[in-house]
PDB file of N, CA and C in Angstrom:
ATOM      1  N   MET A   1      11.186 -18.427  -2.972  1.00  0.00           N
ATOM      2  CA  MET A   1       9.924 -18.826  -3.564  1.00  0.00           C
ATOM      3  C   MET A   1       8.951 -17.647  -3.478  1.00  0.00           C
ATOM      4  N   ALA A   2       8.348 -17.283  -4.569  1.00  0.00           N
ATOM      5  CA  ALA A   2       7.432 -16.141  -4.627  1.00  0.00           C
ATOM      6  C   ALA A   2       6.073 -16.521  -4.050  1.00  0.00           C
ATOM      7  N   THR A   3       5.450 -15.559  -3.431  1.00  0.00           N
ATOM      8  CA  THR A   3       4.107 -15.761  -2.894  1.00  0.00           C
ATOM      9  C   THR A   3       3.147 -14.872  -3.653  1.00  0.00           C
ATOM     10  N   ASN A   4       1.965 -15.357  -3.869  1.00  0.00           N
ATOM     11  CA  ASN A   4       0.936 -14.526  -4.482  1.00  0.00           C
ATOM     12  C   ASN A   4       0.226 -13.783  -3.368  1.00  0.00           C
ATOM     13  N   ALA A   5       0.488 -12.510  -3.291  1.00  0.00           N
ATOM     14  CA  ALA A   5      -0.139 -11.691  -2.259  1.00  0.00           C
ATOM     15  C   ALA A   5      -0.954 -10.612  -2.949  1.00  0.00           C
ATOM     16  N   THR A   6      -2.185 -10.493  -2.544  1.00  0.00           N
ATOM     17  CA  THR A   6      -3.051  -9.471  -3.121  1.00  0.00           C
ATOM     18  C   THR A   6      -3.706  -8.682  -1.998  1.00  0.00           C
ATOM     19  N   ILE A   7      -4.125  -7.495  -2.341  1.00  0.00           N
ATOM     20  CA  ILE A   7      -4.825  -6.641  -1.396  1.00  0.00           C
ATOM     21  C   ILE A   7      -6.307  -6.701  -1.737  1.00  0.00           C
ATOM     22  N   SER A   8      -7.107  -7.002  -0.750  1.00  0.00           N
ATOM     23  CA  SER A   8      -8.541  -7.132  -0.966  1.00  0.00           C
ATOM     24  C   SER A   8      -9.174  -5.785  -1.299  1.00  0.00           C
ATOM     25  N   PRO A   9      -9.884  -5.690  -2.418  1.00  0.00           N
ATOM     26  CA  PRO A   9     -10.536  -4.425  -2.781  1.00  0.00           C
ATOM     27  C   PRO A   9     -11.765  -4.122  -1.926  1.00  0.00           C
ATOM     28  N   ASN A  10     -12.224  -5.096  -1.131  1.00  0.00           N
ATOM     29  CA  ASN A  10     -13.427  -4.907  -0.325  1.00  0.00           C
ATOM     30  C   ASN A  10     -13.153  -4.237   1.013  1.00  0.00           C
ATOM     31  N   LEU A  11     -11.901  -3.982   1.316  1.00  0.00           N
ATOM     32  CA  LEU A  11     -11.536  -3.368   2.592  1.00  0.00           C
ATOM     33  C   LEU A  11     -11.651  -1.849   2.520  1.00  0.00           C
ATOM     34  N   THR A  12     -11.701  -1.212   3.673  1.00  0.00           N
ATOM     35  CA  THR A  12     -11.669   0.251   3.715  1.00  0.00           C
ATOM     36  C   THR A  12     -10.295   0.720   3.230  1.00  0.00           C
ATOM     37  N   PRO A  13     -10.181   1.971   2.788  1.00  0.00           N
ATOM     38  CA  PRO A  13      -8.872   2.471   2.349  1.00  0.00           C
ATOM     39  C   PRO A  13      -7.782   2.340   3.414  1.00  0.00           C
ATOM     40  N   THR A  14      -8.112   2.600   4.665  1.00  0.00           N
ATOM     41  CA  THR A  14      -7.121   2.480   5.735  1.00  0.00           C
ATOM     42  C   THR A  14      -6.696   1.026   5.917  1.00  0.00           C
ATOM     43  N   ALA A  15      -7.636   0.112   5.847  1.00  0.00           N
ATOM     44  CA  ALA A  15      -7.311  -1.309   5.970  1.00  0.00           C
ATOM     45  C   ALA A  15      -6.464  -1.772   4.781  1.00  0.00           C
ATOM     46  N   ARG A  16      -6.760  -1.264   3.577  1.00  0.00           N
ATOM     47  CA  ARG A  16      -5.947  -1.615   2.407  1.00  0.00           C
ATOM     48  C   ARG A  16      -4.531  -1.070   2.548  1.00  0.00           C
ATOM     49  N   LEU A  17      -4.407   0.147   3.094  1.00  0.00           N
ATOM     50  CA  LEU A  17      -3.083   0.712   3.325  1.00  0.00           C
ATOM     51  C   LEU A  17      -2.315  -0.147   4.322  1.00  0.00           C
ATOM     52  N   ASN A  18      -2.961  -0.515   5.419  1.00  0.00           N
ATOM     53  CA  ASN A  18      -2.305  -1.370   6.412  1.00  0.00           C
ATOM     54  C   ASN A  18      -1.885  -2.705   5.820  1.00  0.00           C
ATOM     55  N   GLN A  19      -2.737  -3.272   4.987  1.00  0.00           N
ATOM     56  CA  GLN A  19      -2.426  -4.549   4.350  1.00  0.00           C
ATOM     57  C   GLN A  19      -1.238  -4.384   3.389  1.00  0.00           C
ATOM     58  N   ALA A  20      -1.214  -3.298   2.636  1.00  0.00           N
ATOM     59  CA  ALA A  20      -0.103  -3.045   1.720  1.00  0.00           C
ATOM     60  C   ALA A  20       1.201  -2.873   2.489  1.00  0.00           C
ATOM     61  N   LEU A  21       1.159  -2.116   3.576  1.00  0.00           N
ATOM     62  CA  LEU A  21       2.367  -1.917   4.389  1.00  0.00           C
ATOM     63  C   LEU A  21       2.858  -3.238   4.974  1.00  0.00           C
ATOM     64  N   ASP A  22       1.931  -4.080   5.424  1.00  0.00           N
ATOM     65  CA  ASP A  22       2.317  -5.399   5.936  1.00  0.00           C
ATOM     66  C   ASP A  22       2.980  -6.244   4.854  1.00  0.00           C
ATOM     67  N   LEU A  23       2.379  -6.241   3.665  1.00  0.00           N
ATOM     68  CA  LEU A  23       2.937  -7.029   2.557  1.00  0.00           C
ATOM     69  C   LEU A  23       4.325  -6.545   2.139  1.00  0.00           C
ATOM     70  N   LEU A  24       4.575  -5.252   2.322  1.00  0.00           N
ATOM     71  CA  LEU A  24       5.872  -4.675   1.962  1.00  0.00           C
ATOM     72  C   LEU A  24       6.890  -4.768   3.097  1.00  0.00           C
ATOM     73  N   GLY A  25       6.502  -5.379   4.205  1.00  0.00           N
ATOM     74  CA  GLY A  25       7.429  -5.596   5.310  1.00  0.00           C
ATOM     75  C   GLY A  25       7.599  -4.419   6.237  1.00  0.00           C
ATOM     76  N   HIS A  26       6.685  -3.467   6.197  1.00  0.00           N
ATOM     77  CA  HIS A  26       6.759  -2.295   7.067  1.00  0.00           C
ATOM     78  C   HIS A  26       6.305  -2.669   8.474  1.00  0.00           C
ATOM     79  N   SER A  27       6.974  -2.111   9.471  1.00  0.00           N
ATOM     80  CA  SER A  27       6.567  -2.327  10.862  1.00  0.00           C
ATOM     81  C   SER A  27       6.812  -1.043  11.642  1.00  0.00           C
ATOM     82  N   GLU A  28       6.380  -1.040  12.889  1.00  0.00           N
ATOM     83  CA  GLU A  28       6.581   0.133  13.739  1.00  0.00           C
ATOM     84  C   GLU A  28       8.069   0.365  14.001  1.00  0.00           C
ATOM     85  N   ALA A  29       8.894  -0.672  13.833  1.00  0.00           N
ATOM     86  CA  ALA A  29      10.331  -0.544  14.060  1.00  0.00           C
ATOM     87  C   ALA A  29      11.068   0.044  12.846  1.00  0.00           C
ATOM     88  N   THR A  30      10.349   0.224  11.741  1.00  0.00           N
ATOM     89  CA  THR A  30      10.955   0.768  10.534  1.00  0.00           C
ATOM     90  C   THR A  30      11.404   2.205  10.805  1.00  0.00           C
ATOM     91  N   LEU A  31      12.601   2.545  10.348  1.00  0.00           N
ATOM     92  CA  LEU A  31      13.107   3.907  10.524  1.00  0.00           C
ATOM     93  C   LEU A  31      12.173   4.911   9.854  1.00  0.00           C
ATOM     94  N   PRO A  32      12.012   6.086  10.451  1.00  0.00           N
ATOM     95  CA  PRO A  32      11.108   7.085   9.877  1.00  0.00           C
ATOM     96  C   PRO A  32      11.422   7.442   8.426  1.00  0.00           C
ATOM     97  N   VAL A  33      12.697   7.509   8.064  1.00  0.00           N
ATOM     98  CA  VAL A  33      13.041   7.854   6.683  1.00  0.00           C
ATOM     99  C   VAL A  33      12.551   6.782   5.716  1.00  0.00           C
ATOM    100  N   HIS A  34      12.624   5.515   6.128  1.00  0.00           N
ATOM    101  CA  HIS A  34      12.137   4.437   5.266  1.00  0.00           C
ATOM    102  C   HIS A  34      10.607   4.431   5.202  1.00  0.00           C
ATOM    103  N   SER A  35       9.979   4.700   6.337  1.00  0.00           N
ATOM    104  CA  SER A  35       8.517   4.796   6.350  1.00  0.00           C
ATOM    105  C   SER A  35       8.056   5.922   5.433  1.00  0.00           C
ATOM    106  N   SER A  36       8.740   7.049   5.507  1.00  0.00           N
ATOM    107  CA  SER A  36       8.388   8.197   4.672  1.00  0.00           C
ATOM    108  C   SER A  36       8.532   7.865   3.190  1.00  0.00           C
ATOM    109  N   ASN A  37       9.640   7.245   2.831  1.00  0.00           N
ATOM    110  CA  ASN A  37       9.846   6.879   1.424  1.00  0.00           C
ATOM    111  C   ASN A  37       8.767   5.929   0.935  1.00  0.00           C
ATOM    112  N   LEU A  38       8.442   4.939   1.744  1.00  0.00           N
ATOM    113  CA  LEU A  38       7.427   3.957   1.366  1.00  0.00           C
ATOM    114  C   LEU A  38       6.053   4.609   1.244  1.00  0.00           C
ATOM    115  N   LEU A  39       5.706   5.456   2.209  1.00  0.00           N
ATOM    116  CA  LEU A  39       4.403   6.122   2.162  1.00  0.00           C
ATOM    117  C   LEU A  39       4.292   7.061   0.966  1.00  0.00           C
ATOM    118  N   HIS A  40       5.363   7.778   0.653  1.00  0.00           N
ATOM    119  CA  HIS A  40       5.309   8.675  -0.503  1.00  0.00           C
ATOM    120  C   HIS A  40       5.217   7.896  -1.816  1.00  0.00           C
ATOM    121  N   ALA A  41       5.853   6.739  -1.877  1.00  0.00           N
ATOM    122  CA  ALA A  41       5.707   5.890  -3.070  1.00  0.00           C
ATOM    123  C   ALA A  41       4.261   5.398  -3.199  1.00  0.00           C
ATOM    124  N   LEU A  42       3.661   5.015  -2.078  1.00  0.00           N
ATOM    125  CA  LEU A  42       2.261   4.584  -2.107  1.00  0.00           C
ATOM    126  C   LEU A  42       1.329   5.740  -2.451  1.00  0.00           C
ATOM    127  N   GLU A  43       1.701   6.943  -2.043  1.00  0.00           N
ATOM    128  CA  GLU A  43       0.908   8.123  -2.400  1.00  0.00           C
ATOM    129  C   GLU A  43       0.935   8.333  -3.916  1.00  0.00           C
ATOM    130  N   ILE A  44       2.110   8.247  -4.504  1.00  0.00           N
ATOM    131  CA  ILE A  44       2.233   8.405  -5.959  1.00  0.00           C
ATOM    132  C   ILE A  44       1.420   7.334  -6.678  1.00  0.00           C
ATOM    133  N   PHE A  45       1.507   6.092  -6.185  1.00  0.00           N
ATOM    134  CA  PHE A  45       0.740   4.997  -6.787  1.00  0.00           C
ATOM    135  C   PHE A  45      -0.764   5.278  -6.690  1.00  0.00           C
ATOM    136  N   SER A  46      -1.224   5.709  -5.515  1.00  0.00           N
ATOM    137  CA  SER A  46      -2.670   5.920  -5.343  1.00  0.00           C
ATOM    138  C   SER A  46      -3.172   7.059  -6.224  1.00  0.00           C
ATOM    139  N   VAL A  47      -2.375   8.107  -6.384  1.00  0.00           N
ATOM    140  CA  VAL A  47      -2.765   9.224  -7.252  1.00  0.00           C
ATOM    141  C   VAL A  47      -2.804   8.759  -8.698  1.00  0.00           C
ATOM    142  N   SER A  48      -1.753   8.047  -9.128  1.00  0.00           N
ATOM    143  CA  SER A  48      -1.688   7.629 -10.536  1.00  0.00           C
ATOM    144  C   SER A  48      -2.758   6.600 -10.888  1.00  0.00           C
ATOM    145  N   SER A  49      -3.210   5.824  -9.897  1.00  0.00           N
ATOM    146  CA  SER A  49      -4.258   4.838 -10.171  1.00  0.00           C
ATOM    147  C   SER A  49      -5.659   5.390  -9.910  1.00  0.00           C
ATOM    148  N   GLY A  50      -5.748   6.643  -9.451  1.00  0.00           N
ATOM    149  CA  GLY A  50      -7.047   7.266  -9.232  1.00  0.00           C
ATOM    150  C   GLY A  50      -7.788   6.761  -8.010  1.00  0.00           C
ATOM    151  N   ASP A  51      -7.052   6.193  -7.067  1.00  0.00           N
ATOM    152  CA  ASP A  51      -7.666   5.648  -5.849  1.00  0.00           C
ATOM    153  C   ASP A  51      -7.663   6.729  -4.764  1.00  0.00           C
ATOM    154  N   THR A  52      -8.689   7.575  -4.774  1.00  0.00           N
ATOM    155  CA  THR A  52      -8.715   8.711  -3.845  1.00  0.00           C
ATOM    156  C   THR A  52      -8.842   8.285  -2.388  1.00  0.00           C
ATOM    157  N   GLY A  53      -9.521   7.189  -2.142  1.00  0.00           N
ATOM    158  CA  GLY A  53      -9.642   6.698  -0.769  1.00  0.00           C
ATOM    159  C   GLY A  53      -8.287   6.309  -0.205  1.00  0.00           C
ATOM    160  N   LEU A  54      -7.535   5.548  -0.987  1.00  0.00           N
ATOM    161  CA  LEU A  54      -6.193   5.142  -0.565  1.00  0.00           C
ATOM    162  C   LEU A  54      -5.286   6.360  -0.451  1.00  0.00           C
ATOM    163  N   GLU A  55      -5.414   7.285  -1.378  1.00  0.00           N
ATOM    164  CA  GLU A  55      -4.613   8.518  -1.347  1.00  0.00           C
ATOM    165  C   GLU A  55      -4.828   9.265  -0.036  1.00  0.00           C
ATOM    166  N   MET A  56      -6.072   9.410   0.381  1.00  0.00           N
ATOM    167  CA  MET A  56      -6.371  10.130   1.623  1.00  0.00           C
ATOM    168  C   MET A  56      -5.849   9.364   2.839  1.00  0.00           C
ATOM    169  N   ALA A  57      -5.943   8.037   2.810  1.00  0.00           N
ATOM    170  CA  ALA A  57      -5.424   7.232   3.921  1.00  0.00           C
ATOM    171  C   ALA A  57      -3.907   7.364   4.017  1.00  0.00           C
ATOM    172  N   VAL A  58      -3.231   7.371   2.873  1.00  0.00           N
ATOM    173  CA  VAL A  58      -1.775   7.523   2.857  1.00  0.00           C
ATOM    174  C   VAL A  58      -1.388   8.912   3.367  1.00  0.00           C
ATOM    175  N   ARG A  59      -2.076   9.939   2.897  1.00  0.00           N
ATOM    176  CA  ARG A  59      -1.750  11.303   3.341  1.00  0.00           C
ATOM    177  C   ARG A  59      -1.987  11.476   4.841  1.00  0.00           C
ATOM    178  N   ALA A  60      -3.007  10.832   5.369  1.00  0.00           N
ATOM    179  CA  ALA A  60      -3.249  10.887   6.810  1.00  0.00           C
ATOM    180  C   ALA A  60      -2.103  10.219   7.559  1.00  0.00           C
ATOM    181  N   ARG A  61      -1.624   9.083   7.050  1.00  0.00           N
ATOM    182  CA  ARG A  61      -0.512   8.369   7.696  1.00  0.00           C
ATOM    183  C   ARG A  61       0.773   9.183   7.605  1.00  0.00           C
ATOM    184  N   ILE A  62       0.980   9.885   6.494  1.00  0.00           N
ATOM    185  CA  ILE A  62       2.146  10.761   6.355  1.00  0.00           C
ATOM    186  C   ILE A  62       2.073  11.866   7.410  1.00  0.00           C
ATOM    187  N   GLY A  63       0.893  12.414   7.619  1.00  0.00           N
ATOM    188  CA  GLY A  63       0.713  13.445   8.638  1.00  0.00           C
ATOM    189  C   GLY A  63       1.035  12.933  10.036  1.00  0.00           C
ATOM    190  N   ILE A  64       0.607  11.731  10.335  1.00  0.00           N
ATOM    191  CA  ILE A  64       0.903  11.120  11.635  1.00  0.00           C
ATOM    192  C   ILE A  64       2.404  10.918  11.792  1.00  0.00           C
ATOM    193  N   LEU A  65       3.054  10.451  10.726  1.00  0.00           N
ATOM    194  CA  LEU A  65       4.504  10.246  10.764  1.00  0.00           C
ATOM    195  C   LEU A  65       5.224  11.567  11.001  1.00  0.00           C
ATOM    196  N   ARG A  66       4.807  12.608  10.308  1.00  0.00           N
ATOM    197  CA  ARG A  66       5.433  13.933  10.496  1.00  0.00           C
ATOM    198  C   ARG A  66       5.274  14.420  11.936  1.00  0.00           C
ATOM    199  N   GLU A  67       4.083  14.252  12.491  1.00  0.00           N
ATOM    200  CA  GLU A  67       3.843  14.672  13.875  1.00  0.00           C
ATOM    201  C   GLU A  67       4.724  13.908  14.846  1.00  0.00           C
ATOM    202  N   SER A  68       4.910  12.608  14.622  1.00  0.00           N
ATOM    203  CA  SER A  68       5.744  11.821  15.535  1.00  0.00           C
ATOM    204  C   SER A  68       7.216  12.217  15.415  1.00  0.00           C
ATOM    205  N   ILE A  69       7.653  12.566  14.213  1.00  0.00           N
ATOM    206  CA  ILE A  69       9.035  13.016  14.028  1.00  0.00           C
ATOM    207  C   ILE A  69       9.255  14.332  14.769  1.00  0.00           C
ATOM    208  N   VAL A  70       8.324  15.265  14.633  1.00  0.00           N
ATOM    209  CA  VAL A  70       8.431  16.554  15.325  1.00  0.00           C
ATOM    210  C   VAL A  70       8.419  16.341  16.838  1.00  0.00           C
ATOM    211  N   ALA A  71       7.544  15.474  17.327  1.00  0.00           N
ATOM    212  CA  ALA A  71       7.460  15.204  18.762  1.00  0.00           C
ATOM    213  C   ALA A  71       8.764  14.595  19.276  1.00  0.00           C
ATOM    214  N   ASN A  72       9.334  13.665  18.518  1.00  0.00           N
ATOM    215  CA  ASN A  72      10.591  13.041  18.933  1.00  0.00           C
ATOM    216  C   ASN A  72      11.730  14.040  18.922  1.00  0.00           C
ATOM    217  N   ARG A  73      11.737  14.931  17.958  1.00  0.00           N
ATOM    218  CA  ARG A  73      12.795  15.939  17.898  1.00  0.00           C
ATOM    219  C   ARG A  73      12.704  16.904  19.068  1.00  0.00           C
ATOM    220  N   SER A  74      11.496  17.239  19.484  1.00  0.00           N
ATOM    221  CA  SER A  74      11.344  18.192  20.584  1.00  0.00           C
ATOM    222  C   SER A  74      11.739  17.566  21.919  1.00  0.00           C
ATOM    223  N   GLN A  75      11.758  16.233  22.008  1.00  0.00           N
ATOM    224  CA  GLN A  75      12.149  15.558  23.240  1.00  0.00           C
ATOM    225  C   GLN A  75      13.647  15.276  23.294  1.00  0.00           C
ATOM    226  N   THR A  76      14.335  15.436  22.174  1.00  0.00           N
ATOM    227  CA  THR A  76      15.763  15.174  22.119  1.00  0.00           C
ATOM    228  C   THR A  76      16.516  16.455  22.423  1.00  0.00           C
ATOM    229  N   PRO A  77      17.367  16.441  23.460  1.00  0.00           N
ATOM    230  CA  PRO A  77      18.106  17.666  23.775  1.00  0.00           C
ATOM    231  C   PRO A  77      19.103  18.012  22.672  1.00  0.00           C
ATOM    232  N   LEU A  78      19.233  19.284  22.431  1.00  0.00           N
ATOM    233  CA  LEU A  78      20.152  19.778  21.413  1.00  0.00           C
ATOM    234  C   LEU A  78      21.532  19.942  22.027  1.00  0.00           C
ATOM    235  N   THR A  79      22.527  19.374  21.382  1.00  0.00           N
ATOM    236  CA  THR A  79      23.907  19.500  21.844  1.00  0.00           C
ATOM    237  C   THR A  79      24.672  20.330  20.838  1.00  0.00           C
ATOM    238  N   ILE A  80      25.286  21.391  21.336  1.00  0.00           N
ATOM    239  CA  ILE A  80      26.088  22.256  20.464  1.00  0.00           C
ATOM    240  C   ILE A  80      27.551  22.064  20.839  1.00  0.00           C
ATOM    241  N   ARG A  81      28.327  21.714  19.864  1.00  0.00           N
ATOM    242  CA  ARG A  81      29.758  21.542  20.094  1.00  0.00           C
ATOM    243  C   ARG A  81      30.509  22.675  19.420  1.00  0.00           C
ATOM    244  N   ARG A  82      31.408  23.249  20.156  1.00  0.00           N
ATOM    245  CA  ARG A  82      32.204  24.340  19.601  1.00  0.00           C
ATOM    246  C   ARG A  82      33.476  23.778  19.028  1.00  0.00           C
ATOM    247  N   ARG A  83      33.856  24.322  17.905  1.00  0.00           N
ATOM    248  CA  ARG A  83      35.089  23.888  17.267  1.00  0.00           C
ATOM    249  C   ARG A  83      36.283  24.433  18.046  1.00  0.00           C
ATOM    250  N   GLN A  84      37.261  23.602  18.195  1.00  0.00           N
ATOM    251  CA  GLN A  84      38.501  24.019  18.853  1.00  0.00           C
ATOM    252  C   GLN A  84      39.425  24.603  17.804  1.00  0.00           C
ATOM    253  N   GLY A  85      40.078  25.678  18.120  1.00  0.00           N
ATOM    254  CA  GLY A  85      41.038  26.181  17.141  1.00  0.00           C
ATOM    255  C   GLY A  85      41.080  27.595  16.998  1.00  0.00           C
TER     256      GLY A  85
END
């Protein structure tokens, strides 16, 4: 059954972004690659619709995601396996 879900235009751009992500089923448990794809799609939408406030909120969230990916990578030890043969 379909639900009518709308994003309130009276909210701040960040609140509208959060509401859009909630409506699309995004959560903190979402894999970074899926979060990145979703955020970049929302970035394209905000640019094409001329919503500069939403565009800036999306780009800020992309920056936060990139920083968390870099931080997680720096905490993961690198394992090098040598080929036998």
